[in-house]
Amino acid sequence: MYKIKKMNSLSIYLGMVGPWQIAIIVALVLLMFGGKKIPELMKGLGGGIKEFKKATKQEDEEKLEEKK
């Protein structure tokens, strides 16, 4: 019979984005925010990711302590 390959929504979405689409998105972001604002935005994004990782690590440690 036929094998049906299961695909999640992320793999379907990433399969539709090619190099030209990425280039267009980057160009639009540069036009919208300008070259000077992008480093500030990335710094804020990096700080947010760092805080998220810190919070999840603390939560995991708390759950481990509760199990003891």
PDB file of N, CA and C in Angstrom:
ATOM      1  N   MET A   1       0.831  -1.191   0.000  1.00  0.00           N
ATOM      2  CA  MET A   1       0.000   0.000   0.000  1.00  0.00           C
ATOM      3  C   MET A   1       0.877   1.257   0.000  1.00  0.00           C
ATOM      4  N   TYR A   2       0.207   2.383   0.095  1.00  0.00           N
ATOM      5  CA  TYR A   2       0.899   3.665   0.090  1.00  0.00           C
ATOM      6  C   TYR A   2       1.340   4.025   1.498  1.00  0.00           C
ATOM      7  N   LYS A   3       2.543   4.551   1.594  1.00  0.00           N
ATOM      8  CA  LYS A   3       3.023   5.053   2.880  1.00  0.00           C
ATOM      9  C   LYS A   3       2.729   6.549   2.933  1.00  0.00           C
ATOM     10  N   ILE A   4       2.052   6.951   3.968  1.00  0.00           N
ATOM     11  CA  ILE A   4       1.743   8.367   4.143  1.00  0.00           C
ATOM     12  C   ILE A   4       2.732   8.932   5.147  1.00  0.00           C
ATOM     13  N   LYS A   5       3.473   9.913   4.705  1.00  0.00           N
ATOM     14  CA  LYS A   5       4.464  10.532   5.568  1.00  0.00           C
ATOM     15  C   LYS A   5       3.800  11.633   6.382  1.00  0.00           C
ATOM     16  N   LYS A   6       3.920  11.528   7.695  1.00  0.00           N
ATOM     17  CA  LYS A   6       3.347  12.561   8.559  1.00  0.00           C
ATOM     18  C   LYS A   6       4.267  13.766   8.573  1.00  0.00           C
ATOM     19  N   MET A   7       3.687  14.928   8.389  1.00  0.00           N
ATOM     20  CA  MET A   7       4.457  16.165   8.436  1.00  0.00           C
ATOM     21  C   MET A   7       3.776  17.119   9.410  1.00  0.00           C
ATOM     22  N   ASN A   8       4.572  17.699  10.261  1.00  0.00           N
ATOM     23  CA  ASN A   8       3.989  18.686  11.147  1.00  0.00           C
ATOM     24  C   ASN A   8       3.929  20.041  10.439  1.00  0.00           C
ATOM     25  N   SER A   9       3.261  20.984  11.038  1.00  0.00           N
ATOM     26  CA  SER A   9       3.044  22.274  10.380  1.00  0.00           C
ATOM     27  C   SER A   9       4.345  23.030  10.164  1.00  0.00           C
ATOM     28  N   LEU A  10       5.328  22.843  11.044  1.00  0.00           N
ATOM     29  CA  LEU A  10       6.602  23.547  10.885  1.00  0.00           C
ATOM     30  C   LEU A  10       7.332  23.081   9.635  1.00  0.00           C
ATOM     31  N   SER A  11       7.381  21.786   9.400  1.00  0.00           N
ATOM     32  CA  SER A  11       8.075  21.282   8.217  1.00  0.00           C
ATOM     33  C   SER A  11       7.359  21.707   6.941  1.00  0.00           C
ATOM     34  N   ILE A  12       6.066  21.793   6.973  1.00  0.00           N
ATOM     35  CA  ILE A  12       5.317  22.251   5.800  1.00  0.00           C
ATOM     36  C   ILE A  12       5.614  23.722   5.541  1.00  0.00           C
ATOM     37  N   TYR A  13       5.627  24.540   6.604  1.00  0.00           N
ATOM     38  CA  TYR A  13       5.891  25.965   6.456  1.00  0.00           C
ATOM     39  C   TYR A  13       7.311  26.208   5.960  1.00  0.00           C
ATOM     40  N   LEU A  14       8.291  25.515   6.552  1.00  0.00           N
ATOM     41  CA  LEU A  14       9.678  25.723   6.147  1.00  0.00           C
ATOM     42  C   LEU A  14       9.920  25.233   4.730  1.00  0.00           C
ATOM     43  N   GLY A  15       9.146  24.287   4.277  1.00  0.00           N
ATOM     44  CA  GLY A  15       9.290  23.806   2.917  1.00  0.00           C
ATOM     45  C   GLY A  15       8.844  24.819   1.886  1.00  0.00           C
ATOM     46  N   MET A  16       8.021  25.764   2.277  1.00  0.00           N
ATOM     47  CA  MET A  16       7.511  26.760   1.334  1.00  0.00           C
ATOM     48  C   MET A  16       8.368  28.019   1.282  1.00  0.00           C
ATOM     49  N   VAL A  17       9.270  28.204   2.233  1.00  0.00           N
ATOM     50  CA  VAL A  17      10.079  29.421   2.278  1.00  0.00           C
ATOM     51  C   VAL A  17      11.413  29.143   1.594  1.00  0.00           C
ATOM     52  N   GLY A  18      11.673  29.890   0.536  1.00  0.00           N
ATOM     53  CA  GLY A  18      12.905  29.723  -0.212  1.00  0.00           C
ATOM     54  C   GLY A  18      13.839  30.898   0.012  1.00  0.00           C
ATOM     55  N   PRO A  19      14.985  30.885  -0.633  1.00  0.00           N
ATOM     56  CA  PRO A  19      15.965  31.968  -0.443  1.00  0.00           C
ATOM     57  C   PRO A  19      15.457  33.334  -0.901  1.00  0.00           C
ATOM     58  N   TRP A  20      14.645  33.361  -1.954  1.00  0.00           N
ATOM     59  CA  TRP A  20      14.121  34.654  -2.415  1.00  0.00           C
ATOM     60  C   TRP A  20      13.130  35.237  -1.419  1.00  0.00           C
ATOM     61  N   GLN A  21      12.326  34.390  -0.818  1.00  0.00           N
ATOM     62  CA  GLN A  21      11.370  34.881   0.178  1.00  0.00           C
ATOM     63  C   GLN A  21      12.100  35.432   1.397  1.00  0.00           C
ATOM     64  N   ILE A  22      13.151  34.755   1.816  1.00  0.00           N
ATOM     65  CA  ILE A  22      13.932  35.229   2.958  1.00  0.00           C
ATOM     66  C   ILE A  22      14.585  36.568   2.636  1.00  0.00           C
ATOM     67  N   ALA A  23      15.120  36.709   1.432  1.00  0.00           N
ATOM     68  CA  ALA A  23      15.742  37.972   1.024  1.00  0.00           C
ATOM     69  C   ALA A  23      14.727  39.109   1.018  1.00  0.00           C
ATOM     70  N   ILE A  24      13.527  38.840   0.552  1.00  0.00           N
ATOM     71  CA  ILE A  24      12.481  39.866   0.542  1.00  0.00           C
ATOM     72  C   ILE A  24      12.093  40.261   1.966  1.00  0.00           C
ATOM     73  N   ILE A  25      11.977  39.284   2.853  1.00  0.00           N
ATOM     74  CA  ILE A  25      11.633  39.575   4.247  1.00  0.00           C
ATOM     75  C   ILE A  25      12.715  40.423   4.896  1.00  0.00           C
ATOM     76  N   VAL A  26      13.983  40.086   4.665  1.00  0.00           N
ATOM     77  CA  VAL A  26      15.093  40.860   5.230  1.00  0.00           C
ATOM     78  C   VAL A  26      15.074  42.284   4.694  1.00  0.00           C
ATOM     79  N   ALA A  27      14.833  42.446   3.397  1.00  0.00           N
ATOM     80  CA  ALA A  27      14.778  43.785   2.799  1.00  0.00           C
ATOM     81  C   ALA A  27      13.637  44.605   3.401  1.00  0.00           C
ATOM     82  N   LEU A  28      12.474  43.980   3.602  1.00  0.00           N
ATOM     83  CA  LEU A  28      11.349  44.702   4.195  1.00  0.00           C
ATOM     84  C   LEU A  28      11.641  45.121   5.633  1.00  0.00           C
ATOM     85  N   VAL A  29      12.293  44.250   6.388  1.00  0.00           N
ATOM     86  CA  VAL A  29      12.638  44.586   7.776  1.00  0.00           C
ATOM     87  C   VAL A  29      13.612  45.760   7.790  1.00  0.00           C
ATOM     88  N   LEU A  30      14.589  45.741   6.900  1.00  0.00           N
ATOM     89  CA  LEU A  30      15.538  46.860   6.829  1.00  0.00           C
ATOM     90  C   LEU A  30      14.835  48.163   6.467  1.00  0.00           C
ATOM     91  N   LEU A  31      13.885  48.093   5.551  1.00  0.00           N
ATOM     92  CA  LEU A  31      13.158  49.302   5.171  1.00  0.00           C
ATOM     93  C   LEU A  31      12.274  49.815   6.306  1.00  0.00           C
ATOM     94  N   MET A  32      11.662  48.889   7.030  1.00  0.00           N
ATOM     95  CA  MET A  32      10.738  49.297   8.091  1.00  0.00           C
ATOM     96  C   MET A  32      11.468  49.870   9.305  1.00  0.00           C
ATOM     97  N   PHE A  33      12.549  49.238   9.718  1.00  0.00           N
ATOM     98  CA  PHE A  33      13.200  49.634  10.956  1.00  0.00           C
ATOM     99  C   PHE A  33      14.481  50.425  10.748  1.00  0.00           C
ATOM    100  N   GLY A  34      15.094  50.311   9.622  1.00  0.00           N
ATOM    101  CA  GLY A  34      16.352  50.996   9.379  1.00  0.00           C
ATOM    102  C   GLY A  34      17.519  50.228   9.981  1.00  0.00           C
ATOM    103  N   GLY A  35      18.711  50.541   9.519  1.00  0.00           N
ATOM    104  CA  GLY A  35      19.902  49.828   9.945  1.00  0.00           C
ATOM    105  C   GLY A  35      20.291  50.064  11.396  1.00  0.00           C
ATOM    106  N   LYS A  36      19.919  51.208  11.950  1.00  0.00           N
ATOM    107  CA  LYS A  36      20.337  51.539  13.314  1.00  0.00           C
ATOM    108  C   LYS A  36      19.472  50.862  14.366  1.00  0.00           C
ATOM    109  N   LYS A  37      18.235  50.589  14.054  1.00  0.00           N
ATOM    110  CA  LYS A  37      17.317  49.996  15.035  1.00  0.00           C
ATOM    111  C   LYS A  37      17.470  48.484  15.160  1.00  0.00           C
ATOM    112  N   ILE A  38      17.944  47.828  14.118  1.00  0.00           N
ATOM    113  CA  ILE A  38      18.009  46.367  14.118  1.00  0.00           C
ATOM    114  C   ILE A  38      18.913  45.815  15.218  1.00  0.00           C
ATOM    115  N   PRO A  39      20.124  46.371  15.452  1.00  0.00           N
ATOM    116  CA  PRO A  39      20.927  45.842  16.566  1.00  0.00           C
ATOM    117  C   PRO A  39      20.226  45.971  17.922  1.00  0.00           C
ATOM    118  N   GLU A  40      19.499  47.055  18.119  1.00  0.00           N
ATOM    119  CA  GLU A  40      18.748  47.226  19.364  1.00  0.00           C
ATOM    120  C   GLU A  40      17.650  46.172  19.490  1.00  0.00           C
ATOM    121  N   LEU A  41      16.953  45.904  18.390  1.00  0.00           N
ATOM    122  CA  LEU A  41      15.907  44.888  18.398  1.00  0.00           C
ATOM    123  C   LEU A  41      16.487  43.506  18.691  1.00  0.00           C
ATOM    124  N   MET A  42      17.627  43.188  18.085  1.00  0.00           N
ATOM    125  CA  MET A  42      18.250  41.878  18.298  1.00  0.00           C
ATOM    126  C   MET A  42      18.758  41.741  19.730  1.00  0.00           C
ATOM    127  N   LYS A  43      19.261  42.835  20.293  1.00  0.00           N
ATOM    128  CA  LYS A  43      19.720  42.815  21.685  1.00  0.00           C
ATOM    129  C   LYS A  43      18.542  42.530  22.616  1.00  0.00           C
ATOM    130  N   GLY A  44      17.417  43.167  22.370  1.00  0.00           N
ATOM    131  CA  GLY A  44      16.223  42.926  23.168  1.00  0.00           C
ATOM    132  C   GLY A  44      15.707  41.504  23.005  1.00  0.00           C
ATOM    133  N   LEU A  45      15.743  40.993  21.786  1.00  0.00           N
ATOM    134  CA  LEU A  45      15.313  39.619  21.530  1.00  0.00           C
ATOM    135  C   LEU A  45      16.229  38.629  22.239  1.00  0.00           C
ATOM    136  N   GLY A  46      17.535  38.871  22.175  1.00  0.00           N
ATOM    137  CA  GLY A  46      18.491  38.000  22.851  1.00  0.00           C
ATOM    138  C   GLY A  46      18.292  38.005  24.357  1.00  0.00           C
ATOM    139  N   GLY A  47      18.026  39.179  24.926  1.00  0.00           N
ATOM    140  CA  GLY A  47      17.767  39.270  26.357  1.00  0.00           C
ATOM    141  C   GLY A  47      16.499  38.526  26.750  1.00  0.00           C
ATOM    142  N   GLY A  48      15.488  38.613  25.911  1.00  0.00           N
ATOM    143  CA  GLY A  48      14.241  37.898  26.181  1.00  0.00           C
ATOM    144  C   GLY A  48      14.429  36.394  26.144  1.00  0.00           C
ATOM    145  N   ILE A  49      15.205  35.915  25.191  1.00  0.00           N
ATOM    146  CA  ILE A  49      15.471  34.476  25.093  1.00  0.00           C
ATOM    147  C   ILE A  49      16.272  34.005  26.301  1.00  0.00           C
ATOM    148  N   LYS A  50      17.238  34.813  26.724  1.00  0.00           N
ATOM    149  CA  LYS A  50      18.054  34.462  27.887  1.00  0.00           C
ATOM    150  C   LYS A  50      17.192  34.363  29.145  1.00  0.00           C
ATOM    151  N   GLU A  51      16.278  35.314  29.331  1.00  0.00           N
ATOM    152  CA  GLU A  51      15.382  35.284  30.484  1.00  0.00           C
ATOM    153  C   GLU A  51      14.451  34.073  30.443  1.00  0.00           C
ATOM    154  N   PHE A  52      13.980  33.732  29.254  1.00  0.00           N
ATOM    155  CA  PHE A  52      13.101  32.573  29.103  1.00  0.00           C
ATOM    156  C   PHE A  52      13.829  31.292  29.482  1.00  0.00           C
ATOM    157  N   LYS A  53      15.057  31.132  29.000  1.00  0.00           N
ATOM    158  CA  LYS A  53      15.846  29.940  29.333  1.00  0.00           C
ATOM    159  C   LYS A  53      16.121  29.874  30.832  1.00  0.00           C
ATOM    160  N   LYS A  54      16.414  31.020  31.428  1.00  0.00           N
ATOM    161  CA  LYS A  54      16.686  31.073  32.865  1.00  0.00           C
ATOM    162  C   LYS A  54      15.452  30.651  33.653  1.00  0.00           C
ATOM    163  N   ALA A  55      14.291  31.131  33.251  1.00  0.00           N
ATOM    164  CA  ALA A  55      13.047  30.809  33.949  1.00  0.00           C
ATOM    165  C   ALA A  55      12.706  29.329  33.810  1.00  0.00           C
ATOM    166  N   THR A  56      12.897  28.764  32.621  1.00  0.00           N
ATOM    167  CA  THR A  56      12.590  27.343  32.452  1.00  0.00           C
ATOM    168  C   THR A  56      13.569  26.477  33.222  1.00  0.00           C
ATOM    169  N   LYS A  57      14.812  26.896  33.313  1.00  0.00           N
ATOM    170  CA  LYS A  57      15.807  26.140  34.078  1.00  0.00           C
ATOM    171  C   LYS A  57      15.456  26.158  35.565  1.00  0.00           C
ATOM    172  N   GLN A  58      15.040  27.315  36.066  1.00  0.00           N
ATOM    173  CA  GLN A  58      14.649  27.414  37.474  1.00  0.00           C
ATOM    174  C   GLN A  58      13.432  26.540  37.756  1.00  0.00           C
ATOM    175  N   GLU A  59      12.489  26.510  36.839  1.00  0.00           N
ATOM    176  CA  GLU A  59      11.291  25.695  37.017  1.00  0.00           C
ATOM    177  C   GLU A  59      11.639  24.209  37.043  1.00  0.00           C
ATOM    178  N   ASP A  60      12.551  23.807  36.164  1.00  0.00           N
ATOM    179  CA  ASP A  60      12.980  22.404  36.148  1.00  0.00           C
ATOM    180  C   ASP A  60      13.685  22.033  37.450  1.00  0.00           C
ATOM    181  N   GLU A  61      14.508  22.940  37.963  1.00  0.00           N
ATOM    182  CA  GLU A  61      15.208  22.681  39.224  1.00  0.00           C
ATOM    183  C   GLU A  61      14.221  22.566  40.384  1.00  0.00           C
ATOM    184  N   GLU A  62      13.186  23.397  40.373  1.00  0.00           N
ATOM    185  CA  GLU A  62      12.170  23.342  41.428  1.00  0.00           C
ATOM    186  C   GLU A  62      11.414  22.017  41.377  1.00  0.00           C
ATOM    187  N   LYS A  63      11.109  21.545  40.194  1.00  0.00           N
ATOM    188  CA  LYS A  63      10.404  20.274  40.062  1.00  0.00           C
ATOM    189  C   LYS A  63      11.281  19.116  40.543  1.00  0.00           C
ATOM    190  N   LEU A  64      12.588  19.194  40.264  1.00  0.00           N
ATOM    191  CA  LEU A  64      13.502  18.166  40.740  1.00  0.00           C
ATOM    192  C   LEU A  64      13.568  18.140  42.265  1.00  0.00           C
ATOM    193  N   GLU A  65      13.588  19.309  42.881  1.00  0.00           N
ATOM    194  CA  GLU A  65      13.647  19.396  44.343  1.00  0.00           C
ATOM    195  C   GLU A  65      12.362  18.865  44.973  1.00  0.00           C
ATOM    196  N   GLU A  66      11.221  19.063  44.318  1.00  0.00           N
ATOM    197  CA  GLU A  66       9.954  18.576  44.831  1.00  0.00           C
ATOM    198  C   GLU A  66       9.903  17.057  44.811  1.00  0.00           C
ATOM    199  N   LYS A  67      10.535  16.431  43.846  1.00  0.00           N
ATOM    200  CA  LYS A  67      10.529  14.985  43.733  1.00  0.00           C
ATOM    201  C   LYS A  67      11.360  14.330  44.824  1.00  0.00           C
ATOM    202  N   LYS A  68      12.331  15.039  45.368  1.00  0.00           N
ATOM    203  CA  LYS A  68      13.208  14.466  46.403  1.00  0.00           C
ATOM    204  C   LYS A  68      12.528  14.304  47.694  1.00  0.00           C
TER     205      LYS A  68
END
